[in-house]
Protein backbone atom coordinates (compact mmCIF):
# COMPACT_ATOMS: atom_id res chain seq x y z
CA MET A 1 -6.14 -44.50 73.74
CA ALA A 2 -8.03 -44.98 76.90
CA LYS A 3 -6.21 -46.05 80.12
CA TRP A 4 -7.67 -48.45 82.32
CA LEU A 5 -7.81 -47.32 85.95
CA LYS A 6 -9.06 -50.09 88.27
CA GLN A 7 -10.20 -53.34 88.41
CA PRO A 8 -13.48 -54.00 86.52
CA LYS A 9 -16.53 -54.81 88.67
CA VAL A 10 -19.28 -57.54 86.98
CA THR A 11 -22.32 -57.78 88.88
CA ASN A 12 -25.01 -60.66 88.49
CA ASN A 13 -28.66 -59.03 87.71
CA ILE A 14 -30.34 -60.58 90.57
CA TYR A 15 -33.74 -60.65 88.41
CA THR A 16 -32.25 -62.27 85.20
CA GLY A 17 -29.06 -63.77 86.49
CA ASP A 18 -27.38 -62.11 83.61
CA ALA A 19 -24.18 -60.28 84.13
CA ASN A 20 -23.45 -56.50 83.55
CA TYR A 21 -20.61 -54.27 83.63
CA VAL A 22 -19.98 -50.56 84.07
CA HIS A 23 -16.59 -48.91 82.73
CA ASP A 24 -15.82 -45.45 84.09
CA GLN A 25 -13.68 -43.43 81.50
CA GLY A 26 -12.04 -40.76 83.81
CA ILE A 27 -9.86 -39.41 81.10
CA PRO A 28 -11.30 -37.58 78.11
CA SER A 29 -10.55 -39.75 74.83
CA ALA A 30 -11.87 -40.31 71.44
CA GLN A 31 -11.43 -44.31 71.41
CA TRP A 32 -12.34 -46.22 74.65
CA VAL A 33 -10.68 -49.75 74.62
CA ILE A 34 -12.83 -51.97 77.02
CA THR A 35 -12.14 -55.19 78.69
CA HIS A 36 -15.73 -56.29 80.29
CA ASN A 37 -14.96 -60.01 80.86
CA LEU A 38 -18.85 -60.93 80.23
CA GLY A 39 -18.01 -63.63 77.98
CA LYS A 40 -20.46 -62.12 75.05
CA LYS A 41 -21.00 -59.61 72.96
CA SER A 42 -22.88 -57.30 75.17
CA SER A 43 -25.24 -54.22 74.30
CA VAL A 44 -23.64 -50.82 75.18
CA THR A 45 -24.93 -47.72 76.36
CA VAL A 46 -22.50 -44.64 76.80
CA VAL A 47 -23.02 -41.59 78.67
CA ASP A 48 -20.74 -38.45 78.91
CA SER A 49 -19.94 -36.60 82.26
CA SER A 50 -23.13 -34.86 82.09
CA ASN A 51 -25.29 -38.04 81.73
CA GLN A 52 -26.23 -37.25 77.86
CA VAL A 53 -25.96 -40.48 75.73
CA ASN A 54 -23.26 -40.62 73.25
CA VAL A 55 -23.05 -42.63 69.90
CA GLY A 56 -19.90 -44.48 68.69
CA GLN A 57 -18.63 -47.08 66.51
CA ILE A 58 -18.53 -50.30 68.20
CA THR A 59 -16.03 -52.79 67.20
CA TYR A 60 -16.05 -56.29 69.07
CA ASN A 61 -12.46 -57.23 69.43
CA SER A 62 -13.60 -60.35 71.36
CA ILE A 63 -16.46 -61.81 73.41
CA ASN A 64 -14.64 -59.99 76.35
CA GLN A 65 -13.35 -56.49 74.57
CA VAL A 66 -14.66 -53.78 72.67
CA THR A 67 -13.12 -50.55 71.03
CA ILE A 68 -15.66 -47.76 71.02
CA ASP A 69 -14.62 -44.76 68.54
CA PHE A 70 -16.15 -41.40 68.98
CA GLU A 71 -15.84 -38.15 66.93
CA GLY A 72 -14.58 -36.30 69.70
CA SER A 73 -12.67 -36.84 73.34
CA PHE A 74 -14.66 -36.86 76.25
CA SER A 75 -15.07 -38.81 79.68
CA GLY A 76 -17.97 -40.70 81.17
CA LYS A 77 -19.23 -44.29 81.53
CA ALA A 78 -20.21 -47.24 79.51
CA PHE A 79 -22.81 -49.86 80.50
CA PHE A 80 -22.73 -53.30 79.18
CA ASN A 81 -25.33 -56.07 79.45
């Protein structure tokens, strides 16, 4: 299971006023549980530590949290908007 390492940083897009969030998954894991606190079912793009896009099964636990399951463990970032 993914481990939360620091406070989430939510930023507002200055052009649309819409919030976005970047999750940094420093510990390799095949399942990432992410609390983004954006108050919506966000679109998600995941990249590994080599900046290659990865596709996983996204489950919306709530409007503020998702679980992403992958075939293998890796570290990287998840971009929400």
